[in-house]
Full PDB file with SEQRES, HELIX, SHEET, SSBOND, CRYST1, ORIGX, SCALE, CONECT and MASTER records, all heavy atoms in Angstrom:
SEQRES   1 A   41  GLU LEU VAL ALA THR ILE ALA ARG SER GLY SER THR ASN          
SEQRES   2 A   41  TYR ALA ASP SER VAL LYS GLY ARG VAL THR ILE SER ARG          
SEQRES   3 A   41  ASP ASN ALA LYS ASN THR VAL TYR LEU ARG MET ASP SER          
SEQRES   4 A   41  LEU LYS                                                      
SHEET    1 AA1 2 ALA A   4  ILE A   6  0                                        
SHEET    2 AA1 2 THR A  12  TYR A  14 -1                                        
SHEET    1 AA2 2 VAL A  22  ASP A  27  0                                        
SHEET    2 AA2 2 THR A  32  MET A  37 -1                                        
CRYST1    1.000    1.000    1.000  90.00  90.00  90.00 P 1           1          
ORIGX1      1.000000  0.000000  0.000000        0.00000                         
ORIGX2      0.000000  1.000000  0.000000        0.00000                         
ORIGX3      0.000000  0.000000  1.000000        0.00000                         
SCALE1      1.000000  0.000000  0.000000        0.00000                         
SCALE2      0.000000  1.000000  0.000000        0.00000                         
SCALE3      0.000000  0.000000  1.000000        0.00000                         
ATOM      1  N   GLU A   1       0.827  -1.203   0.000  1.00  0.00           N  
ATOM      2  CA  GLU A   1       0.000   0.000   0.000  1.00  0.00           C  
ATOM      3  C   GLU A   1       0.862   1.253   0.000  1.00  0.00           C  
ATOM      4  O   GLU A   1       1.993   1.269   0.472  1.00  0.00           O  
ATOM      5  CB  GLU A   1      -0.922   0.030   1.228  1.00  0.00           C  
ATOM      6  CG  GLU A   1      -0.197   0.094   2.553  1.00  0.00           C  
ATOM      7  CD  GLU A   1      -1.148   0.185   3.750  1.00  0.00           C  
ATOM      8  OE1 GLU A   1      -2.360   0.030   3.566  1.00  0.00           O  
ATOM      9  OE2 GLU A   1      -0.652   0.418   4.858  1.00  0.00           O  
ATOM     10  N   LEU A   2       0.280   2.303  -0.538  1.00  0.00           N  
ATOM     11  CA  LEU A   2       0.946   3.591  -0.587  1.00  0.00           C  
ATOM     12  C   LEU A   2       1.143   4.156   0.810  1.00  0.00           C  
ATOM     13  O   LEU A   2       0.251   4.060   1.665  1.00  0.00           O  
ATOM     14  CB  LEU A   2       0.101   4.571  -1.410  1.00  0.00           C  
ATOM     15  CG  LEU A   2       0.464   6.037  -1.320  1.00  0.00           C  
ATOM     16  CD1 LEU A   2       1.700   6.318  -2.150  1.00  0.00           C  
ATOM     17  CD2 LEU A   2      -0.700   6.913  -1.779  1.00  0.00           C  
ATOM     18  N   VAL A   3       2.308   4.745   1.042  1.00  0.00           N  
ATOM     19  CA  VAL A   3       2.536   5.532   2.250  1.00  0.00           C  
ATOM     20  C   VAL A   3       2.562   7.017   1.869  1.00  0.00           C  
ATOM     21  O   VAL A   3       1.770   7.809   2.359  1.00  0.00           O  
ATOM     22  CB  VAL A   3       3.848   5.137   2.949  1.00  0.00           C  
ATOM     23  CG1 VAL A   3       4.062   6.013   4.182  1.00  0.00           C  
ATOM     24  CG2 VAL A   3       3.835   3.665   3.337  1.00  0.00           C  
ATOM     25  N   ALA A   4       3.488   7.377   0.994  1.00  0.00           N  
ATOM     26  CA  ALA A   4       3.612   8.770   0.571  1.00  0.00           C  
ATOM     27  C   ALA A   4       4.438   8.837  -0.706  1.00  0.00           C  
ATOM     28  O   ALA A   4       5.297   7.994  -0.942  1.00  0.00           O  
ATOM     29  CB  ALA A   4       4.279   9.613   1.654  1.00  0.00           C  
ATOM     30  N   THR A   5       4.154   9.851  -1.522  1.00  0.00           N  
ATOM     31  CA  THR A   5       4.956  10.105  -2.708  1.00  0.00           C  
ATOM     32  C   THR A   5       5.268  11.585  -2.805  1.00  0.00           C  
ATOM     33  O   THR A   5       4.575  12.422  -2.200  1.00  0.00           O  
ATOM     34  CB  THR A   5       4.264   9.652  -4.004  1.00  0.00           C  
ATOM     35  OG1 THR A   5       3.111  10.467  -4.225  1.00  0.00           O  
ATOM     36  CG2 THR A   5       3.864   8.190  -3.947  1.00  0.00           C  
ATOM     37  N   ILE A   6       6.311  11.888  -3.567  1.00  0.00           N  
ATOM     38  CA  ILE A   6       6.717  13.277  -3.743  1.00  0.00           C  
ATOM     39  C   ILE A   6       7.235  13.447  -5.165  1.00  0.00           C  
ATOM     40  O   ILE A   6       8.002  12.621  -5.665  1.00  0.00           O  
ATOM     41  CB  ILE A   6       7.781  13.678  -2.699  1.00  0.00           C  
ATOM     42  CG1 ILE A   6       8.149  15.157  -2.836  1.00  0.00           C  
ATOM     43  CG2 ILE A   6       9.030  12.800  -2.781  1.00  0.00           C  
ATOM     44  CD1 ILE A   6       8.966  15.682  -1.651  1.00  0.00           C  
ATOM     45  N   ALA A   7       6.795  14.515  -5.812  1.00  0.00           N  
ATOM     46  CA  ALA A   7       7.246  14.813  -7.159  1.00  0.00           C  
ATOM     47  C   ALA A   7       8.555  15.591  -7.121  1.00  0.00           C  
ATOM     48  O   ALA A   7       8.956  16.110  -6.072  1.00  0.00           O  
ATOM     49  CB  ALA A   7       6.185  15.641  -7.891  1.00  0.00           C  
ATOM     50  N   ARG A   8       9.192  15.681  -8.272  1.00  0.00           N  
ATOM     51  CA  ARG A   8      10.426  16.457  -8.348  1.00  0.00           C  
ATOM     52  C   ARG A   8      10.175  17.905  -7.929  1.00  0.00           C  
ATOM     53  O   ARG A   8      11.043  18.553  -7.348  1.00  0.00           O  
ATOM     54  CB  ARG A   8      10.989  16.388  -9.763  1.00  0.00           C  
ATOM     55  CG  ARG A   8      12.306  17.121  -9.953  1.00  0.00           C  
ATOM     56  CD  ARG A   8      12.848  16.893 -11.349  1.00  0.00           C  
ATOM     57  NE  ARG A   8      13.356  15.534 -11.526  1.00  0.00           N  
ATOM     58  CZ  ARG A   8      14.573  15.148 -11.184  1.00  0.00           C  
ATOM     59  NH1 ARG A   8      15.417  16.010 -10.650  1.00  0.00           N  
ATOM     60  NH2 ARG A   8      14.949  13.900 -11.393  1.00  0.00           N  
ATOM     61  N   SER A   9       8.971  18.391  -8.203  1.00  0.00           N  
ATOM     62  CA  SER A   9       8.598  19.761  -7.838  1.00  0.00           C  
ATOM     63  C   SER A   9       8.424  19.946  -6.339  1.00  0.00           C  
ATOM     64  O   SER A   9       8.407  21.071  -5.846  1.00  0.00           O  
ATOM     65  CB  SER A   9       7.292  20.141  -8.533  1.00  0.00           C  
ATOM     66  OG  SER A   9       6.233  19.328  -8.049  1.00  0.00           O  
ATOM     67  N   GLY A  10       8.252  18.825  -5.629  1.00  0.00           N  
ATOM     68  CA  GLY A  10       8.044  18.902  -4.189  1.00  0.00           C  
ATOM     69  C   GLY A  10       6.613  18.642  -3.757  1.00  0.00           C  
ATOM     70  O   GLY A  10       6.346  18.566  -2.551  1.00  0.00           O  
ATOM     71  N   SER A  11       5.702  18.502  -4.697  1.00  0.00           N  
ATOM     72  CA  SER A  11       4.325  18.224  -4.309  1.00  0.00           C  
ATOM     73  C   SER A  11       4.241  16.822  -3.725  1.00  0.00           C  
ATOM     74  O   SER A  11       4.899  15.892  -4.196  1.00  0.00           O  
ATOM     75  CB  SER A  11       3.395  18.367  -5.501  1.00  0.00           C  
ATOM     76  OG  SER A  11       3.652  17.367  -6.466  1.00  0.00           O  
ATOM     77  N   THR A  12       3.443  16.693  -2.687  1.00  0.00           N  
ATOM     78  CA  THR A  12       3.393  15.435  -1.933  1.00  0.00           C  
ATOM     79  C   THR A  12       1.999  14.832  -1.914  1.00  0.00           C  
ATOM     80  O   THR A  12       0.994  15.513  -2.141  1.00  0.00           O  
ATOM     81  CB  THR A  12       3.855  15.652  -0.488  1.00  0.00           C  
ATOM     82  OG1 THR A  12       3.013  16.660   0.116  1.00  0.00           O  
ATOM     83  CG2 THR A  12       5.295  16.105  -0.429  1.00  0.00           C  
ATOM     84  N   ASN A  13       1.978  13.553  -1.606  1.00  0.00           N  
ATOM     85  CA  ASN A  13       0.730  12.810  -1.491  1.00  0.00           C  
ATOM     86  C   ASN A  13       0.908  11.809  -0.353  1.00  0.00           C  
ATOM     87  O   ASN A  13       1.918  11.107  -0.313  1.00  0.00           O  
ATOM     88  CB  ASN A  13       0.451  12.087  -2.814  1.00  0.00           C  
ATOM     89  CG  ASN A  13      -0.798  11.239  -2.758  1.00  0.00           C  
ATOM     90  OD1 ASN A  13      -1.810  11.682  -2.243  1.00  0.00           O  
ATOM     91  ND2 ASN A  13      -0.731  10.030  -3.276  1.00  0.00           N  
ATOM     92  N   TYR A  14      -0.058  11.772   0.584  1.00  0.00           N  
ATOM     93  CA  TYR A  14       0.038  10.882   1.733  1.00  0.00           C  
ATOM     94  C   TYR A  14      -1.190   9.987   1.836  1.00  0.00           C  
ATOM     95  O   TYR A  14      -2.307  10.404   1.535  1.00  0.00           O  
ATOM     96  CB  TYR A  14       0.133  11.687   3.036  1.00  0.00           C  
ATOM     97  CG  TYR A  14       1.404  12.474   3.194  1.00  0.00           C  
ATOM     98  CD1 TYR A  14       1.465  13.807   2.797  1.00  0.00           C  
ATOM     99  CD2 TYR A  14       2.530  11.891   3.753  1.00  0.00           C  
ATOM    100  CE1 TYR A  14       2.630  14.541   2.944  1.00  0.00           C  
ATOM    101  CE2 TYR A  14       3.704  12.616   3.911  1.00  0.00           C  
ATOM    102  CZ  TYR A  14       3.747  13.932   3.499  1.00  0.00           C  
ATOM    103  OH  TYR A  14       4.908  14.660   3.650  1.00  0.00           O  
ATOM    104  N   ALA A  15      -0.975   8.782   2.328  1.00  0.00           N  
ATOM    105  CA  ALA A  15      -2.094   7.912   2.674  1.00  0.00           C  
ATOM    106  C   ALA A  15      -2.784   8.495   3.903  1.00  0.00           C  
ATOM    107  O   ALA A  15      -2.133   9.066   4.790  1.00  0.00           O  
ATOM    108  CB  ALA A  15      -1.602   6.504   2.968  1.00  0.00           C  
ATOM    109  N   ASP A  16      -4.099   8.341   3.967  1.00  0.00           N  
ATOM    110  CA  ASP A  16      -4.860   8.872   5.103  1.00  0.00           C  
ATOM    111  C   ASP A  16      -4.356   8.291   6.423  1.00  0.00           C  
ATOM    112  O   ASP A  16      -4.362   8.966   7.452  1.00  0.00           O  
ATOM    113  CB  ASP A  16      -6.344   8.557   4.936  1.00  0.00           C  
ATOM    114  CG  ASP A  16      -6.985   9.398   3.844  1.00  0.00           C  
ATOM    115  OD1 ASP A  16      -6.406  10.432   3.453  1.00  0.00           O  
ATOM    116  OD2 ASP A  16      -8.068   9.009   3.372  1.00  0.00           O  
ATOM    117  N   SER A  17      -3.912   7.050   6.391  1.00  0.00           N  
ATOM    118  CA  SER A  17      -3.506   6.367   7.623  1.00  0.00           C  
ATOM    119  C   SER A  17      -2.239   6.956   8.250  1.00  0.00           C  
ATOM    120  O   SER A  17      -1.950   6.690   9.415  1.00  0.00           O  
ATOM    121  CB  SER A  17      -3.290   4.880   7.343  1.00  0.00           C  
ATOM    122  OG  SER A  17      -2.289   4.704   6.353  1.00  0.00           O  
ATOM    123  N   VAL A  18      -1.482   7.730   7.488  1.00  0.00           N  
ATOM    124  CA  VAL A  18      -0.222   8.270   8.016  1.00  0.00           C  
ATOM    125  C   VAL A  18      -0.199   9.792   8.052  1.00  0.00           C  
ATOM    126  O   VAL A  18       0.749  10.382   8.570  1.00  0.00           O  
ATOM    127  CB  VAL A  18       0.985   7.763   7.207  1.00  0.00           C  
ATOM    128  CG1 VAL A  18       1.045   6.243   7.216  1.00  0.00           C  
ATOM    129  CG2 VAL A  18       0.964   8.300   5.784  1.00  0.00           C  
ATOM    130  N   LYS A  19      -1.219  10.436   7.526  1.00  0.00           N  
ATOM    131  CA  LYS A  19      -1.239  11.903   7.511  1.00  0.00           C  
ATOM    132  C   LYS A  19      -1.071  12.472   8.904  1.00  0.00           C  
ATOM    133  O   LYS A  19      -1.712  12.008   9.851  1.00  0.00           O  
ATOM    134  CB  LYS A  19      -2.544  12.412   6.893  1.00  0.00           C  
ATOM    135  CG  LYS A  19      -2.567  12.401   5.388  1.00  0.00           C  
ATOM    136  CD  LYS A  19      -3.889  12.928   4.844  1.00  0.00           C  
ATOM    137  CE  LYS A  19      -3.901  12.886   3.332  1.00  0.00           C  
ATOM    138  NZ  LYS A  19      -5.218  13.321   2.781  1.00  0.00           N  
ATOM    139  N   GLY A  20      -0.206  13.454   9.025  1.00  0.00           N  
ATOM    140  CA  GLY A  20       0.046  14.080  10.311  1.00  0.00           C  
ATOM    141  C   GLY A  20       1.145  13.408  11.108  1.00  0.00           C  
ATOM    142  O   GLY A  20       1.629  13.964  12.099  1.00  0.00           O  
ATOM    143  N   ARG A  21       1.532  12.202  10.713  1.00  0.00           N  
ATOM    144  CA  ARG A  21       2.579  11.470  11.438  1.00  0.00           C  
ATOM    145  C   ARG A  21       3.815  11.246  10.580  1.00  0.00           C  
ATOM    146  O   ARG A  21       4.876  10.897  11.108  1.00  0.00           O  
ATOM    147  CB  ARG A  21       2.050  10.110  11.897  1.00  0.00           C  
ATOM    148  CG  ARG A  21       0.852  10.155  12.808  1.00  0.00           C  
ATOM    149  CD  ARG A  21       0.534   8.788  13.383  1.00  0.00           C  
ATOM    150  NE  ARG A  21       0.160   7.821  12.360  1.00  0.00           N  
ATOM    151  CZ  ARG A  21       0.836   6.695  12.117  1.00  0.00           C  
ATOM    152  NH1 ARG A  21       1.941   6.410  12.791  1.00  0.00           N  
ATOM    153  NH2 ARG A  21       0.406   5.855  11.179  1.00  0.00           N  
ATOM    154  N   VAL A  22       3.679  11.422   9.302  1.00  0.00           N  
ATOM    155  CA  VAL A  22       4.748  11.089   8.356  1.00  0.00           C  
ATOM    156  C   VAL A  22       5.051  12.291   7.477  1.00  0.00           C  
ATOM    157  O   VAL A  22       4.140  13.014   7.071  1.00  0.00           O  
ATOM    158  CB  VAL A  22       4.306   9.892   7.487  1.00  0.00           C  
ATOM    159  CG1 VAL A  22       5.187   9.745   6.254  1.00  0.00           C  
ATOM    160  CG2 VAL A  22       4.344   8.604   8.309  1.00  0.00           C  
ATOM    161  N   THR A  23       6.327  12.503   7.210  1.00  0.00           N  
ATOM    162  CA  THR A  23       6.745  13.577   6.313  1.00  0.00           C  
ATOM    163  C   THR A  23       7.708  13.011   5.278  1.00  0.00           C  
ATOM    164  O   THR A  23       8.722  12.400   5.634  1.00  0.00           O  
ATOM    165  CB  THR A  23       7.453  14.703   7.077  1.00  0.00           C  
ATOM    166  OG1 THR A  23       6.580  15.211   8.093  1.00  0.00           O  
ATOM    167  CG2 THR A  23       7.826  15.841   6.123  1.00  0.00           C  
ATOM    168  N   ILE A  24       7.373  13.217   4.023  1.00  0.00           N  
ATOM    169  CA  ILE A  24       8.266  12.793   2.948  1.00  0.00           C  
ATOM    170  C   ILE A  24       9.008  14.012   2.424  1.00  0.00           C  
ATOM    171  O   ILE A  24       8.433  15.101   2.327  1.00  0.00           O  
ATOM    172  CB  ILE A  24       7.492  12.076   1.816  1.00  0.00           C  
ATOM    173  CG1 ILE A  24       8.461  11.425   0.833  1.00  0.00           C  
ATOM    174  CG2 ILE A  24       6.515  13.009   1.126  1.00  0.00           C  
ATOM    175  CD1 ILE A  24       7.778  10.472  -0.154  1.00  0.00           C  
ATOM    176  N   SER A  25      10.262  13.835   2.127  1.00  0.00           N  
ATOM    177  CA  SER A  25      11.061  14.923   1.581  1.00  0.00           C  
ATOM    178  C   SER A  25      12.041  14.346   0.562  1.00  0.00           C  
ATOM    179  O   SER A  25      12.224  13.127   0.484  1.00  0.00           O  
ATOM    180  CB  SER A  25      11.810  15.672   2.684  1.00  0.00           C  
ATOM    181  OG  SER A  25      12.672  14.794   3.384  1.00  0.00           O  
ATOM    182  N   ARG A  26      12.651  15.260  -0.176  1.00  0.00           N  
ATOM    183  CA  ARG A  26      13.477  14.791  -1.298  1.00  0.00           C  
ATOM    184  C   ARG A  26      14.615  15.770  -1.523  1.00  0.00           C  
ATOM    185  O   ARG A  26      14.430  16.985  -1.432  1.00  0.00           O  
ATOM    186  CB  ARG A  26      12.579  14.705  -2.536  1.00  0.00           C  
ATOM    187  CG  ARG A  26      13.224  14.285  -3.815  1.00  0.00           C  
ATOM    188  CD  ARG A  26      12.147  14.061  -4.861  1.00  0.00           C  
ATOM    189  NE  ARG A  26      12.706  13.753  -6.160  1.00  0.00           N  
ATOM    190  CZ  ARG A  26      12.010  13.356  -7.217  1.00  0.00           C  
ATOM    191  NH1 ARG A  26      10.684  13.213  -7.102  1.00  0.00           N  
ATOM    192  NH2 ARG A  26      12.587  13.104  -8.356  1.00  0.00           N  
ATOM    193  N   ASP A  27      15.781  15.213  -1.800  1.00  0.00           N  
ATOM    194  CA  ASP A  27      16.945  16.006  -2.170  1.00  0.00           C  
ATOM    195  C   ASP A  27      17.270  15.650  -3.612  1.00  0.00           C  
ATOM    196  O   ASP A  27      17.868  14.601  -3.877  1.00  0.00           O  
ATOM    197  CB  ASP A  27      18.114  15.697  -1.243  1.00  0.00           C  
ATOM    198  CG  ASP A  27      19.322  16.590  -1.488  1.00  0.00           C  
ATOM    199  OD1 ASP A  27      19.491  17.057  -2.643  1.00  0.00           O  
ATOM    200  OD2 ASP A  27      20.093  16.805  -0.554  1.00  0.00           O  
ATOM    201  N   ASN A  28      16.855  16.485  -4.537  1.00  0.00           N  
ATOM    202  CA  ASN A  28      17.040  16.181  -5.954  1.00  0.00           C  
ATOM    203  C   ASN A  28      18.519  16.119  -6.338  1.00  0.00           C  
ATOM    204  O   ASN A  28      18.908  15.344  -7.208  1.00  0.00           O  
ATOM    205  CB  ASN A  28      16.321  17.199  -6.825  1.00  0.00           C  
ATOM    206  CG  ASN A  28      14.811  17.068  -6.737  1.00  0.00           C  
ATOM    207  OD1 ASN A  28      14.287  15.957  -6.571  1.00  0.00           O  
ATOM    208  ND2 ASN A  28      14.107  18.178  -6.833  1.00  0.00           N  
ATOM    209  N   ALA A  29      19.332  16.923  -5.682  1.00  0.00           N  
ATOM    210  CA  ALA A  29      20.768  16.931  -5.999  1.00  0.00           C  
ATOM    211  C   ALA A  29      21.417  15.594  -5.629  1.00  0.00           C  
ATOM    212  O   ALA A  29      22.363  15.148  -6.278  1.00  0.00           O  
ATOM    213  CB  ALA A  29      21.456  18.064  -5.272  1.00  0.00           C  
ATOM    214  N   LYS A  30      20.889  14.966  -4.579  1.00  0.00           N  
ATOM    215  CA  LYS A  30      21.436  13.678  -4.126  1.00  0.00           C  
ATOM    216  C   LYS A  30      20.618  12.500  -4.621  1.00  0.00           C  
ATOM    217  O   LYS A  30      20.936  11.354  -4.302  1.00  0.00           O  
ATOM    218  CB  LYS A  30      21.505  13.649  -2.603  1.00  0.00           C  
ATOM    219  CG  LYS A  30      22.468  14.656  -1.999  1.00  0.00           C  
ATOM    220  CD  LYS A  30      22.501  14.523  -0.483  1.00  0.00           C  
ATOM    221  CE  LYS A  30      23.487  15.498   0.127  1.00  0.00           C  
ATOM    222  NZ  LYS A  30      23.521  15.400   1.613  1.00  0.00           N  
ATOM    223  N   ASN A  31      19.553  12.781  -5.359  1.00  0.00           N  
ATOM    224  CA  ASN A  31      18.658  11.714  -5.830  1.00  0.00           C  
ATOM    225  C   ASN A  31      18.216  10.823  -4.669  1.00  0.00           C  
ATOM    226  O   ASN A  31      18.217   9.589  -4.772  1.00  0.00           O  
ATOM    227  CB  ASN A  31      19.335  10.875  -6.917  1.00  0.00           C  
ATOM    228  CG  ASN A  31      19.613  11.666  -8.164  1.00  0.00           C  
ATOM    229  OD1 ASN A  31      18.722  12.314  -8.698  1.00  0.00           O  
ATOM    230  ND2 ASN A  31      20.855  11.652  -8.618  1.00  0.00           N  
ATOM    231  N   THR A  32      17.865  11.446  -3.587  1.00  0.00           N  
ATOM    232  CA  THR A  32      17.508  10.725  -2.369  1.00  0.00           C  
ATOM    233  C   THR A  32      16.146  11.203  -1.862  1.00  0.00           C  
ATOM    234  O   THR A  32      15.862  12.401  -1.888  1.00  0.00           O  
ATOM    235  CB  THR A  32      18.571  10.932  -1.287  1.00  0.00           C  
ATOM    236  OG1 THR A  32      19.827  10.433  -1.763  1.00  0.00           O  
ATOM    237  CG2 THR A  32      18.212  10.197  -0.016  1.00  0.00           C  
ATOM    238  N   VAL A  33      15.357  10.255  -1.412  1.00  0.00           N  
ATOM    239  CA  VAL A  33      14.067  10.557  -0.811  1.00  0.00           C  
ATOM    240  C   VAL A  33      14.085  10.049   0.626  1.00  0.00           C  
ATOM    241  O   VAL A  33      14.692   9.022   0.923  1.00  0.00           O  
ATOM    242  CB  VAL A  33      12.909   9.946  -1.628  1.00  0.00           C  
ATOM    243  CG1 VAL A  33      12.973   8.424  -1.630  1.00  0.00           C  
ATOM    244  CG2 VAL A  33      11.565  10.424  -1.116  1.00  0.00           C  
ATOM    245  N   TYR A  34      13.435  10.804   1.504  1.00  0.00           N  
ATOM    246  CA  TYR A  34      13.416  10.488   2.921  1.00  0.00           C  
ATOM    247  C   TYR A  34      11.975  10.316   3.391  1.00  0.00           C  
ATOM    248  O   TYR A  34      11.058  10.944   2.858  1.00  0.00           O  
ATOM    249  CB  TYR A  34      14.081  11.597   3.729  1.00  0.00           C  
ATOM    250  CG  TYR A  34      15.475  11.931   3.285  1.00  0.00           C  
ATOM    251  CD1 TYR A  34      15.699  12.971   2.372  1.00  0.00           C  
ATOM    252  CD2 TYR A  34      16.571  11.220   3.746  1.00  0.00           C  
ATOM    253  CE1 TYR A  34      16.975  13.285   1.953  1.00  0.00           C  
ATOM    254  CE2 TYR A  34      17.854  11.528   3.327  1.00  0.00           C  
ATOM    255  CZ  TYR A  34      18.052  12.566   2.430  1.00  0.00           C  
ATOM    256  OH  TYR A  34      19.321  12.867   2.007  1.00  0.00           O  
ATOM    257  N   LEU A  35      11.816   9.516   4.435  1.00  0.00           N  
ATOM    258  CA  LEU A  35      10.510   9.359   5.064  1.00  0.00           C  
ATOM    259  C   LEU A  35      10.709   9.460   6.561  1.00  0.00           C  
ATOM    260  O   LEU A  35      11.310   8.573   7.169  1.00  0.00           O  
ATOM    261  CB  LEU A  35       9.873   8.021   4.691  1.00  0.00           C  
ATOM    262  CG  LEU A  35       8.417   7.858   5.129  1.00  0.00           C  
ATOM    263  CD1 LEU A  35       7.513   8.718   4.236  1.00  0.00           C  
ATOM    264  CD2 LEU A  35       7.973   6.403   5.057  1.00  0.00           C  
ATOM    265  N   ARG A  36      10.232  10.547   7.122  1.00  0.00           N  
ATOM    266  CA  ARG A  36      10.293  10.737   8.556  1.00  0.00           C  
ATOM    267  C   ARG A  36       8.973  10.263   9.139  1.00  0.00           C  
ATOM    268  O   ARG A  36       7.912  10.737   8.747  1.00  0.00           O  
ATOM    269  CB  ARG A  36      10.504  12.207   8.890  1.00  0.00           C  
ATOM    270  CG  ARG A  36      10.308  12.559  10.368  1.00  0.00           C  
ATOM    271  CD  ARG A  36      11.473  12.150  11.215  1.00  0.00           C  
ATOM    272  NE  ARG A  36      11.235  12.468  12.629  1.00  0.00           N  
ATOM    273  CZ  ARG A  36      12.171  12.403  13.569  1.00  0.00           C  
ATOM    274  NH1 ARG A  36      13.413  12.036  13.255  1.00  0.00           N  
ATOM    275  NH2 ARG A  36      11.874  12.696  14.817  1.00  0.00           N  
ATOM    276  N   MET A  37       9.035   9.311  10.074  1.00  0.00           N  
ATOM    277  CA  MET A  37       7.829   8.759  10.677  1.00  0.00           C  
ATOM    278  C   MET A  37       7.859   9.010  12.181  1.00  0.00           C  
ATOM    279  O   MET A  37       8.821   8.619  12.857  1.00  0.00           O  
ATOM    280  CB  MET A  37       7.733   7.258  10.398  1.00  0.00           C  
ATOM    281  CG  MET A  37       7.681   6.932   8.912  1.00  0.00           C  
ATOM    282  SD  MET A  37       7.373   5.185   8.588  1.00  0.00           S  
ATOM    283  CE  MET A  37       8.932   4.469   9.140  1.00  0.00           C  
ATOM    284  N   ASP A  38       6.837   9.664  12.684  1.00  0.00           N  
ATOM    285  CA  ASP A  38       6.697   9.976  14.103  1.00  0.00           C  
ATOM    286  C   ASP A  38       5.451   9.290  14.659  1.00  0.00           C  
ATOM    287  O   ASP A  38       4.579   8.852  13.913  1.00  0.00           O  
ATOM    288  CB  ASP A  38       6.612  11.486  14.308  1.00  0.00           C  
ATOM    289  CG  ASP A  38       7.855  12.216  13.856  1.00  0.00           C  
ATOM    290  OD1 ASP A  38       8.960  11.825  14.276  1.00  0.00           O  
ATOM    291  OD2 ASP A  38       7.727  13.175  13.068  1.00  0.00           O  
ATOM    292  N   SER A  39       5.377   9.241  15.990  1.00  0.00           N  
ATOM    293  CA  SER A  39       4.213   8.650  16.657  1.00  0.00           C  
ATOM    294  C   SER A  39       3.881   7.287  16.062  1.00  0.00           C  
ATOM    295  O   SER A  39       2.714   6.997  15.748  1.00  0.00           O  
ATOM    296  CB  SER A  39       3.003   9.587  16.539  1.00  0.00           C  
ATOM    297  OG  SER A  39       3.296  10.851  17.096  1.00  0.00           O  
ATOM    298  N   LEU A  40       4.901   6.471  15.901  1.00  0.00           N  
ATOM    299  CA  LEU A  40       4.713   5.179  15.260  1.00  0.00           C  
ATOM    300  C   LEU A  40       3.801   4.277  16.077  1.00  0.00           C  
ATOM    301  O   LEU A  40       3.800   4.312  17.317  1.00  0.00           O  
ATOM    302  CB  LEU A  40       6.063   4.504  15.030  1.00  0.00           C  
ATOM    303  CG  LEU A  40       6.840   5.056  13.822  1.00  0.00           C  
ATOM    304  CD1 LEU A  40       8.308   4.691  13.909  1.00  0.00           C  
ATOM    305  CD2 LEU A  40       6.233   4.533  12.527  1.00  0.00           C  
ATOM    306  N   LYS A  41       3.022   3.477  15.352  1.00  0.00           N  
ATOM    307  CA  LYS A  41       2.070   2.555  15.952  1.00  0.00           C  
ATOM    308  C   LYS A  41       2.432   1.123  15.553  1.00  0.00           C  
ATOM    309  O   LYS A  41       3.048   0.910  14.507  1.00  0.00           O  
ATOM    310  CB  LYS A  41       0.658   2.867  15.455  1.00  0.00           C  
ATOM    311  CG  LYS A  41       0.214   4.305  15.670  1.00  0.00           C  
ATOM    312  CD  LYS A  41      -1.148   4.550  15.019  1.00  0.00           C  
ATOM    313  CE  LYS A  41      -1.602   5.980  15.181  1.00  0.00           C  
ATOM    314  NZ  LYS A  41      -2.926   6.221  14.541  1.00  0.00           N  
TER     315      LYS A  41                                                      
MASTER        0    0    0    0    4    0    0    6  314    1    0    4          
END                                                                             
């Protein structure tokens, strides 16, 4: 199942189940994507 996605532009999309607890980010220069997860269940 989807957790989160992010476009090169920075626009993001989150699954309802993780909204508010998860942050996706991206470093285009490093070709790296990150997923910060808080309040894990």
